[in-house]
Protein backbone atom coordinates (compact mmCIF):
# COMPACT_ATOMS: atom_id res chain seq x y z
CA MET A 1 -76.43 80.75 78.47
CA SER A 2 -76.77 83.99 76.80
CA LYS A 3 -74.59 85.07 73.89
CA ASN A 4 -72.80 87.88 75.89
CA ILE A 5 -71.81 85.54 78.69
CA PHE A 6 -70.36 83.10 76.15
CA VAL A 7 -68.18 85.81 74.57
CA PHE A 8 -66.90 86.99 77.94
CA SER A 9 -65.92 83.49 78.99
CA LEU A 10 -64.07 82.96 75.74
CA ILE A 11 -61.99 86.09 76.31
CA LEU A 12 -61.00 84.93 79.78
CA LEU A 13 -59.83 81.58 78.41
CA LEU A 14 -57.68 83.29 75.80
CA LEU A 15 -56.04 85.55 78.38
CA ALA A 16 -55.21 82.60 80.61
CA ALA A 17 -53.60 80.76 77.73
CA CYS A 18 -51.36 83.70 76.84
CA GLY A 19 -50.07 84.13 80.44
CA ARG A 20 -48.88 80.48 80.85
CA GLU A 21 -45.11 79.84 80.04
CA GLU A 22 -44.40 76.55 78.35
CA PRO A 23 -40.92 74.90 79.06
CA THR A 24 -38.42 74.93 76.18
CA PRO A 25 -37.18 71.44 75.24
CA THR A 26 -33.48 70.88 76.07
CA PRO A 27 -31.58 69.40 73.13
CA GLU A 28 -29.46 66.34 73.74
CA ALA A 29 -25.79 67.20 74.43
CA THR A 30 -23.38 66.22 71.68
CA ALA A 31 -19.66 65.53 72.44
CA VAL A 32 -17.21 67.88 70.61
CA PRO A 33 -13.65 66.68 69.91
CA THR A 34 -11.11 68.58 72.02
CA SER A 35 -8.91 69.07 68.98
CA ILE A 36 -11.28 71.67 67.64
CA ILE A 37 -11.77 73.57 70.91
CA PRO A 38 -10.16 76.95 70.43
CA ALA A 39 -7.13 77.50 72.72
CA LYS A 40 -7.39 80.24 75.34
CA PRO A 41 -5.79 83.34 73.88
CA THR A 42 -2.20 83.92 75.18
CA ALA A 43 -1.66 87.43 76.61
CA ILE A 44 1.04 89.34 74.63
CA PRO A 45 3.39 91.03 77.16
CA THR A 46 3.68 94.81 77.01
CA PRO A 47 7.35 95.82 76.50
CA ALA A 48 8.82 97.41 79.61
CA ALA A 49 9.95 101.06 79.34
CA THR A 50 13.79 101.30 78.69
CA ALA A 51 15.58 103.41 81.39
CA THR A 52 17.82 106.26 80.15
CA PRO A 53 21.46 105.48 81.06
CA VAL A 54 22.83 107.69 83.82
CA LYS A 55 25.83 109.74 82.70
CA PRO A 56 28.24 111.89 84.69
CA SER A 57 27.26 115.53 84.53
CA LEU A 58 27.97 118.93 86.00
CA ALA A 59 25.95 122.14 86.11
CA ILE A 60 27.02 125.52 87.48
CA SER A 61 25.71 129.09 87.22
CA ASP A 62 27.25 132.55 87.13
CA GLN A 63 27.69 133.70 90.72
CA PRO A 64 29.23 136.23 93.10
CA LEU A 65 32.67 135.59 94.59
CA THR A 66 33.46 136.79 98.09
CA ALA A 67 36.64 136.81 100.16
CA ASP A 68 35.94 133.26 101.42
CA GLY A 69 36.54 131.93 97.90
CA VAL A 70 33.62 129.44 97.97
CA ILE A 71 32.28 128.37 94.56
CA HIS A 72 28.83 126.68 94.47
CA THR A 73 27.83 124.10 91.85
CA ASP A 74 24.15 123.54 90.95
CA SER A 75 24.35 119.77 90.49
CA VAL A 76 26.89 117.00 90.06
CA THR A 77 26.34 113.39 88.96
CA VAL A 78 29.18 110.86 89.06
CA LEU A 79 29.33 107.09 88.54
CA GLU A 80 32.61 106.62 90.38
CA PRO A 81 34.88 108.58 92.72
CA ALA A 82 35.75 111.87 91.04
CA TRP A 83 36.81 115.47 91.64
CA VAL A 84 34.93 118.69 91.00
CA VAL A 85 37.72 121.00 89.89
CA ILE A 86 37.71 124.76 89.33
CA HIS A 87 40.16 126.02 86.71
CA ALA A 88 41.10 129.55 85.71
CA GLU A 89 40.26 130.54 82.15
CA ARG A 90 42.90 132.44 80.20
CA ASP A 91 42.50 133.64 76.64
CA GLY A 92 39.54 131.34 76.20
CA GLN A 93 41.52 128.27 77.29
CA VAL A 94 41.35 126.14 80.43
CA GLY A 95 44.10 127.32 82.76
CA GLU A 96 45.60 126.35 86.09
CA VAL A 97 43.74 124.56 88.89
CA LEU A 98 42.40 126.90 91.59
CA GLY A 99 40.64 124.37 93.83
CA GLN A 100 38.95 120.95 93.97
CA THR A 101 36.52 118.84 96.02
CA ALA A 102 36.31 115.02 96.06
CA VAL A 103 32.87 113.51 95.31
CA GLY A 104 31.38 110.02 95.08
CA ILE A 105 33.92 108.39 97.38
CA GLY A 106 32.70 104.97 98.53
CA ASN A 107 29.85 104.68 96.00
CA THR A 108 29.56 101.54 93.88
CA ASP A 109 26.68 102.82 91.74
CA TYR A 110 26.28 106.52 91.20
CA GLN A 111 25.61 109.63 93.20
CA GLU A 112 23.58 112.70 92.36
CA MET A 113 24.45 115.78 94.38
CA THR A 114 23.36 119.38 94.58
CA GLY A 115 25.34 122.31 95.87
CA VAL A 116 28.85 120.81 95.92
CA ASP A 117 31.20 123.58 97.13
CA VAL A 118 34.77 124.14 96.01
CA THR A 119 37.00 126.64 97.82
CA ILE A 120 39.55 128.57 95.77
CA ASP A 121 42.00 131.41 96.41
CA PRO A 122 39.78 134.36 95.45
CA LEU A 123 42.80 136.47 94.49
CA GLN A 124 43.65 134.03 91.70
CA ALA A 125 40.17 133.87 90.17
CA THR A 126 39.89 135.08 86.59
CA ASP A 127 36.72 136.84 85.44
CA THR A 128 35.56 133.59 83.83
CA LEU A 129 36.22 130.23 85.50
CA VAL A 130 35.79 126.62 84.32
CA ALA A 131 34.19 123.87 86.43
CA MET A 132 35.31 120.40 85.33
CA LEU A 133 35.03 116.78 86.46
CA HIS A 134 38.29 114.87 86.93
CA VAL A 135 38.73 111.19 87.67
CA ASN A 136 39.93 110.10 91.12
CA LYS A 137 42.25 107.19 90.34
CA GLY A 138 44.98 107.45 92.95
CA ASP A 139 44.76 108.26 96.62
CA GLU A 140 41.12 109.32 96.95
CA THR A 141 42.05 112.14 99.34
CA THR A 142 44.92 113.57 97.24
CA PHE A 143 44.36 115.40 93.97
CA ASP A 144 47.03 114.10 91.59
CA PHE A 145 47.01 116.45 88.60
CA PRO A 146 48.90 116.61 86.36
CA GLY A 147 49.04 112.87 86.89
CA GLU A 148 46.47 110.13 87.40
CA ASP A 149 43.55 112.45 88.13
CA ALA A 150 43.08 113.66 84.57
CA PRO A 151 39.86 115.26 83.26
CA LEU A 152 36.98 112.76 83.11
CA LEU A 153 35.90 112.02 79.53
CA GLU A 154 32.40 111.09 78.31
CA ASP A 155 32.20 110.12 74.62
CA GLY A 156 35.71 111.50 74.25
CA LYS A 157 34.82 114.93 75.64
CA THR A 158 35.52 116.62 78.95
CA ILE A 159 32.62 117.37 81.29
CA ALA A 160 33.09 121.07 81.87
CA GLN A 161 31.23 124.35 81.99
CA SER A 162 32.41 127.96 81.98
CA PHE A 163 30.82 130.49 84.30
CA ALA A 164 31.34 134.13 85.17
CA ILE A 165 32.02 135.58 88.61
CA ASP A 166 31.00 138.92 90.10
CA ARG A 167 33.67 139.97 92.57
CA GLN A 168 32.27 140.95 95.95
CA MET A 169 35.76 141.79 97.25
CA GLN A 170 38.56 144.29 96.61
CA LEU A 171 41.74 143.11 94.92
CA PRO A 172 45.15 144.16 96.28
CA GLU A 173 46.52 147.25 94.56
CA MET A 174 49.37 149.73 94.60
CA THR A 175 49.65 153.29 93.24
CA ALA A 176 52.77 155.43 92.84
CA SER A 177 53.48 158.68 91.03
CA ASP A 178 56.44 159.58 88.84
CA GLN A 179 58.93 161.46 91.01
CA GLU A 180 62.36 162.95 91.57
CA ILE A 181 64.62 160.96 93.87
CA LEU A 182 67.03 163.08 95.83
CA GLU A 183 70.34 162.19 97.44
CA ASP A 184 68.49 160.64 100.40
CA GLY A 185 67.35 157.83 98.07
CA LEU A 186 63.71 157.83 99.23
CA VAL A 187 61.04 156.40 96.92
CA ARG A 188 57.44 157.31 97.86
CA ILE A 189 54.51 154.99 97.19
CA ASP A 190 51.13 156.76 97.24
CA SER A 191 49.02 153.86 98.56
CA VAL A 192 49.06 150.09 99.06
CA ARG A 193 46.10 147.82 99.72
CA SER A 194 47.16 144.36 100.92
CA PRO A 195 44.91 141.49 102.05
CA SER A 196 47.50 140.49 104.65
CA PRO A 197 50.79 141.80 106.07
CA GLY A 198 53.36 142.14 103.31
CA TRP A 199 56.24 144.05 101.77
CA VAL A 200 56.50 146.90 99.30
CA VAL A 201 59.61 145.99 97.30
CA VAL A 202 61.28 148.39 94.86
CA HIS A 203 62.99 146.76 91.88
CA ALA A 204 65.30 148.23 89.25
CA GLN A 205 64.57 147.73 85.56
CA GLU A 206 66.68 145.33 83.53
CA GLU A 207 66.19 145.04 79.76
CA ASP A 208 62.64 146.44 79.97
CA ALA A 209 61.74 143.90 82.68
CA ILE A 210 61.69 143.77 86.47
CA GLY A 211 65.25 143.44 87.75
CA ASP A 212 67.21 143.47 91.01
CA ILE A 213 65.73 144.45 94.37
CA LEU A 214 66.86 147.88 95.57
CA GLY A 215 64.86 148.26 98.80
CA PHE A 216 61.74 147.22 100.74
CA SER A 217 59.35 148.35 103.48
CA PHE A 218 56.85 146.39 105.60
CA VAL A 219 53.10 147.15 105.41
CA GLU A 220 50.20 145.90 107.50
CA ALA A 221 47.04 144.35 106.07
CA GLY A 222 44.54 146.83 104.66
CA LEU A 223 45.14 150.27 103.17
CA THR A 224 48.45 152.03 103.84
CA GLU A 225 49.22 155.46 102.40
CA ASP A 226 52.53 157.25 101.76
CA VAL A 227 54.85 154.24 102.07
CA VAL A 228 58.55 155.22 101.94
CA VAL A 229 61.25 152.86 100.63
CA HIS A 230 64.94 153.70 100.80
CA ILE A 231 67.12 152.61 97.87
CA PRO A 232 70.81 153.06 96.98
CA TRP A 233 69.92 155.61 94.29
CA ARG A 234 73.23 155.26 92.46
CA ASP A 235 72.14 151.72 91.56
CA GLY A 236 68.71 152.91 90.39
CA THR A 237 67.30 152.98 86.89
CA PRO A 238 65.06 155.62 85.25
CA THR A 239 62.16 153.17 85.54
CA LEU A 240 61.50 151.52 88.90
CA TYR A 241 58.91 148.89 89.83
CA ALA A 242 57.18 148.84 93.22
CA MET A 243 55.87 145.31 93.83
CA LEU A 244 53.78 143.82 96.64
CA HIS A 245 55.33 140.72 98.27
CA GLU A 246 53.85 138.39 100.89
CA ASP A 247 55.12 138.16 104.47
CA VAL A 248 54.78 134.40 104.99
CA GLY A 249 58.22 133.61 106.41
CA ARG A 250 59.57 135.07 109.60
CA GLU A 251 57.23 137.80 110.76
CA GLN A 252 58.39 141.24 109.60
CA ARG A 253 61.64 139.75 108.23
CA PHE A 254 62.03 139.90 104.46
CA ASP A 255 62.74 136.27 103.52
CA PHE A 256 63.16 136.48 99.76
CA PRO A 257 63.67 134.44 97.59
CA GLU A 258 63.12 131.42 99.86
CA GLU A 259 59.78 132.82 101.02
CA ASP A 260 57.97 136.19 100.83
CA LEU A 261 57.40 135.84 97.10
CA PRO A 262 55.44 138.38 95.03
CA LEU A 263 51.73 138.38 95.81
CA LEU A 264 49.67 137.40 92.77
CA ALA A 265 46.23 138.73 91.92
CA ILE A 266 44.43 137.06 88.98
CA GLY A 267 47.73 135.35 88.25
CA GLU A 268 49.71 138.59 87.95
CA PRO A 269 51.98 140.42 90.43
CA VAL A 270 50.72 143.65 91.99
CA VAL A 271 53.07 146.25 90.49
CA ALA A 272 53.29 150.03 90.07
CA GLU A 273 55.69 151.36 87.43
CA ILE A 274 57.45 154.62 88.36
CA GLN A 275 59.44 157.00 86.14
CA VAL A 276 62.10 158.75 88.22
CA THR A 277 64.94 161.24 87.93
CA TYR A 278 68.12 161.27 90.04
CA PRO A 279 70.83 163.70 91.09
CA PRO A 280 73.59 163.93 88.46
CA ASP A 281 75.86 160.90 88.88
CA VAL A 282 78.62 159.11 87.01
CA VAL A 283 80.18 155.75 87.83
CA VAL A 284 83.76 155.66 86.52
CA PHE A 285 86.74 153.59 87.68
CA ASP A 286 90.30 154.77 87.89
CA GLN A 287 91.82 153.49 84.65
CA PRO A 288 94.62 153.95 82.17
CA VAL A 289 93.92 155.79 78.92
CA ILE A 290 94.11 153.10 76.24
CA GLU A 291 94.39 154.31 72.63
CA ASN A 292 93.23 157.78 73.71
CA GLN A 293 89.97 156.44 75.16
CA ILE A 294 88.42 155.91 78.58
CA LEU A 295 85.32 153.92 79.57
CA ILE A 296 82.56 155.31 81.78
CA ASP A 297 80.80 152.47 83.52
CA ARG A 298 77.37 153.98 84.12
CA VAL A 299 75.54 157.29 83.90
CA ILE A 300 71.87 158.27 83.97
CA SER A 301 70.82 161.22 81.84
CA ASN A 302 67.53 162.99 82.54
CA GLY A 303 66.85 163.58 78.86
CA PRO A 304 69.46 163.59 76.04
CA GLY A 305 72.79 164.97 77.20
CA TRP A 306 76.57 164.85 77.07
CA VAL A 307 79.26 163.39 79.27
CA VAL A 308 82.25 165.73 79.06
CA VAL A 309 85.84 165.09 80.18
CA TYR A 310 88.02 167.96 81.47
CA ALA A 311 91.78 167.89 82.10
CA ASP A 312 93.34 169.05 85.36
CA ASP A 313 94.37 172.71 85.18
CA GLY A 314 97.40 171.95 87.38
CA SER A 315 95.74 173.00 90.62
CA GLY A 316 93.39 170.06 91.10
CA SER A 317 90.49 171.79 89.33
CA PRO A 318 88.83 171.21 85.95
CA GLY A 319 90.64 172.89 83.05
CA ILE A 320 90.12 172.46 79.31
CA ILE A 321 87.66 170.05 77.69
CA ILE A 322 89.51 167.10 76.10
CA GLY A 323 86.63 164.79 75.14
CA SER A 324 82.84 164.27 75.07
CA ALA A 325 80.25 161.61 74.22
CA ALA A 326 76.50 161.83 73.64
CA LEU A 327 74.10 160.33 76.17
CA ALA A 328 70.66 158.92 75.47
CA ASP A 329 67.79 159.68 77.80
CA GLY A 330 67.89 157.28 80.74
CA LEU A 331 70.51 154.69 81.66
CA ASN A 332 73.77 154.66 79.69
CA GLU A 333 76.35 151.93 80.34
CA GLN A 334 79.88 151.32 79.08
CA VAL A 335 80.17 154.75 77.48
CA ALA A 336 83.44 155.12 75.54
CA VAL A 337 84.83 158.65 75.40
CA GLY A 338 87.62 159.60 73.00
CA LEU A 339 90.22 162.00 74.42
CA LEU A 340 92.80 164.43 73.13
CA GLY A 341 95.75 162.22 74.10
CA ALA A 342 98.36 164.99 74.36
CA ALA A 343 96.23 166.80 76.94
CA VAL A 344 95.55 163.86 79.30
CA THR A 345 96.53 164.51 82.92
CA GLU A 346 96.92 162.14 85.87
CA GLN A 347 93.54 163.26 87.15
CA LEU A 348 90.56 163.91 84.90
CA PHE A 349 87.15 165.44 85.66
CA ILE A 350 83.68 164.70 84.29
CA PHE A 351 80.70 167.04 84.03
CA LEU A 352 77.27 166.23 82.69
CA HIS A 353 75.92 168.71 80.12
CA GLU A 354 72.46 169.10 78.66
CA ASP A 355 71.83 168.57 74.95
CA ALA A 356 69.78 171.60 73.96
CA GLU A 357 69.26 170.35 70.40
CA ALA A 358 69.19 166.56 70.44
CA GLY A 359 71.22 164.96 67.67
CA ASP A 360 73.31 168.07 67.10
CA ALA A 361 77.03 168.33 67.87
CA PHE A 362 78.31 169.35 71.29
CA ASN A 363 77.79 173.12 71.37
CA PHE A 364 79.44 174.50 74.47
CA PRO A 365 79.78 177.25 75.62
CA SER A 366 77.14 178.68 73.26
CA THR A 367 74.55 176.08 74.36
CA ASP A 368 74.64 172.61 75.97
CA PHE A 369 75.42 174.02 79.39
CA GLN A 370 76.43 172.06 82.47
CA ILE A 371 73.59 170.36 84.31
CA MET A 372 72.16 172.28 87.24
CA TYR A 373 71.08 170.50 90.41
CA GLN A 374 69.18 172.25 93.21
CA GLY A 375 70.01 175.65 91.74
CA ARG A 376 73.74 175.12 91.17
CA ILE A 377 76.13 173.38 88.80
CA ALA A 378 76.61 169.84 90.01
CA ASN A 379 80.07 168.95 91.34
CA PRO A 380 82.38 167.18 88.87
CA PHE A 381 83.34 163.52 89.13
CA SER A 382 87.05 162.72 89.07
CA PHE A 383 89.21 159.66 88.39
CA LYS A 384 92.89 158.78 88.03
CA THR A 385 94.57 157.73 84.81
CA ASN A 386 97.56 156.05 86.52
CA PRO A 387 95.89 153.54 88.87
CA GLY A 388 98.14 150.60 88.09
CA ASN A 389 96.51 147.18 87.80
CA TYR A 390 93.69 145.94 90.01
CA LEU A 391 90.59 143.74 90.10
CA GLY A 392 87.52 143.06 92.20
CA SER A 393 85.58 139.88 93.01
CA GLN A 394 82.31 138.86 94.64
CA ASP A 395 80.89 135.75 96.32
CA GLN A 396 78.86 133.73 93.84
CA VAL A 397 77.27 130.50 92.68
CA LEU A 398 79.25 128.35 90.28
CA GLN A 399 77.99 128.75 86.72
CA GLU A 400 77.78 126.50 83.69
CA VAL A 401 79.12 127.94 80.43
CA ASP A 402 78.94 125.73 77.33
CA GLY A 403 78.85 122.66 79.55
CA GLU A 404 81.86 123.75 81.65
CA THR A 405 82.13 125.18 85.17
CA ALA A 406 82.93 128.89 85.40
CA VAL A 407 83.19 131.83 87.79
CA THR A 408 82.85 135.55 87.06
CA ILE A 409 85.27 138.33 88.02
CA PRO A 410 83.18 141.54 88.10
CA PHE A 411 85.89 143.88 86.82
CA THR A 412 89.58 144.16 86.13
CA VAL A 413 91.77 147.13 85.23
CA THR A 414 95.15 146.62 83.58
CA GLU A 415 97.61 148.84 81.76
CA VAL A 416 98.95 146.01 79.59
CA ASP A 417 97.94 142.59 78.27
CA ALA A 418 97.25 140.36 81.26
CA TRP A 419 95.58 137.21 82.62
CA ALA A 420 92.75 136.84 85.11
CA VAL A 421 93.77 133.71 87.00
CA VAL A 422 91.75 131.70 89.56
CA TYR A 423 93.50 129.77 92.37
CA ASN A 424 91.97 127.40 94.89
CA ASP A 425 92.62 127.67 98.63
CA ASP A 426 95.40 125.91 100.53
CA ASN A 427 94.85 126.63 104.23
CA GLY A 428 94.36 130.34 103.65
CA GLU A 429 97.09 130.62 101.01
CA LEU A 430 97.12 130.47 97.22
CA GLY A 431 96.79 126.86 96.16
CA GLU A 432 96.68 125.46 92.62
CA ILE A 433 95.75 127.38 89.47
CA ILE A 434 92.38 126.02 88.31
CA GLY A 435 91.54 128.41 85.45
CA GLN A 436 92.54 131.57 83.55
CA THR A 437 91.26 134.06 80.95
CA TRP A 438 93.22 136.54 78.83
CA LEU A 439 92.57 140.28 79.32
CA ALA A 440 93.02 143.19 76.96
CA PRO A 441 94.39 146.42 78.51
CA GLY A 442 91.87 148.77 80.10
CA VAL A 443 88.63 148.05 81.97
CA ASN A 444 87.12 144.58 81.59
CA ARG A 445 83.71 143.83 83.12
CA ASN A 446 82.19 140.44 84.10
CA VAL A 447 85.17 138.35 83.07
CA SER A 448 84.18 134.66 82.79
CA VAL A 449 86.86 132.14 83.79
CA ILE A 450 86.46 128.42 83.03
CA ILE A 451 87.74 126.38 86.01
CA ASP A 452 88.38 122.74 86.93
CA PRO A 453 85.39 121.71 89.10
CA ALA A 454 87.37 118.86 90.68
CA GLN A 455 89.74 121.37 92.33
CA VAL A 456 87.18 123.88 93.59
CA THR A 457 87.39 124.86 97.26
CA ASP A 458 84.93 126.97 99.27
CA THR A 459 87.22 129.98 98.89
CA LEU A 460 88.87 130.89 95.59
CA TYR A 461 91.28 133.73 94.67
CA ALA A 462 91.22 136.01 91.63
CA VAL A 463 94.78 137.06 90.71
CA LEU A 464 96.21 139.24 87.93
CA HIS A 465 99.19 137.86 85.95
CA TRP A 466 101.34 139.48 83.32
CA ASP A 467 101.09 138.29 79.74
CA ALA A 468 104.77 138.94 79.27
CA GLY A 469 105.75 136.02 77.07
CA THR A 470 103.98 134.78 73.95
CA THR A 471 100.76 136.83 73.64
CA GLN A 472 97.67 134.91 74.81
CA ASP A 473 99.78 131.84 75.67
CA PHE A 474 99.61 131.34 79.44
CA GLU A 475 103.07 130.58 80.86
CA PRO A 476 102.64 130.63 84.66
CA GLY A 477 105.95 128.95 85.39
CA GLY A 478 107.86 131.34 83.17
CA THR A 479 107.28 134.97 82.28
CA ASP A 480 103.56 135.26 83.19
CA VAL A 481 104.00 135.94 86.89
CA PRO A 482 101.46 137.68 89.18
CA PHE A 483 101.29 141.47 89.34
CA GLN A 484 102.48 142.93 92.62
CA ARG A 485 101.91 146.17 94.49
CA ASN A 486 104.17 147.04 97.42
CA ARG A 487 105.72 143.58 97.05
CA SER A 488 102.35 141.86 97.53
CA ILE A 489 100.48 139.87 94.90
CA ILE A 490 97.34 141.65 93.62
CA LEU A 491 94.51 139.27 94.51
CA SER A 492 90.88 139.21 95.64
CA PRO A 493 89.35 136.25 97.54
CA PHE A 494 85.71 135.18 97.11
CA LYS A 495 83.38 132.40 98.26
CA VAL A 496 81.65 129.98 95.89
CA SER A 497 78.82 127.48 96.25
CA SER A 498 76.94 125.09 93.99
CA GLU A 499 73.54 126.65 94.85
């Protein structure tokens, strides 16, 4: 065999040996004690995410307000039956309730809501309102507040939010100009805008506030111009108030004060204040001259002026001036005028004079001339100084004065010391005396008489008695007998009620 063949064969043998895989010996298994076998790792649980507690909440946005009065909330969450309540806001404080809607009724868990609506009276809405959650503890269909349904508290705080409104409606209004009222007593209102049929009511002024009603006129819903109201102008005041009232009672029948109350807009009445002037007028009763003085009940002066008393010249016409008193601008009541006693006549006359230089003395005839009305000197007012004794009464509600029952006698006129005495009724005749009050001579207004409530009848009688015995000691069975005129007792019946 040649050398090359030998080398080639050797290489083949080596390649064959390298390609053969020899089995790996398996070692003998050895038992391992179970005590040293590691335990299977225990999975550590991942903590569950904690849910945020649900709390009652309320969200609301600024919004327009239309005539339907619907207020929209953005969202409401409650855990129990509750109320969504809309309050007015006044001076930065939560005010009166304007409307409410029940929510969450019948839920045992909680309820999330969007767009809960609450209807309010749009006329009562203030520029800023407050939405608030209240509890619903009583009858679920009846809002009991003040009461059980108080504001809902969370962590001691109310759940509330203020919001502004943009009015998409016109509020009721009234306009009136200052004016002169003539002897026809007509007051003119420029315009009235009312959301429904109503009444334009003219009130007098009393102690810088709205007083008694003088007259009224009906108006339809919408805009009404040139409304005319008739008043008894002699009862008027220099300032009048025209006020818009509702017509919610009998249709086109003024049912005040039981119904037809003033219409409120944003919690305030709709009022126009009017400054007026009147024809010259004096209210004076026939009366005796007591200590050279008379009392004028009421007079309105258009600017500072004078009330001037003239004696009778013997022919039933004004003669010499025997007294005067200054008048303030506007209403003057209970004006005392001193007189020249020696010149007093049975009939006296009164003229109103201007006061050309306010605060100065009465300067007539150089200045301070008599008041002119419609181009002429106004007619004088006259009264008697020998009227005797008399009184007047009016139907009324029983009053309480210092814990006692009383009635009021509007006025009395007496020439001497006297008593205002109240009798009950005995089948249309004077019954028992149930009260009395002493009177000084002259004019007495609004005399209060304390009476026995146990003896009150539906009709009572005001009677004048002499105070002829011991002064201010009532002696009805003796000297203090009733005054008479033409052999008849001077009396005035009137009705009373407890309401």
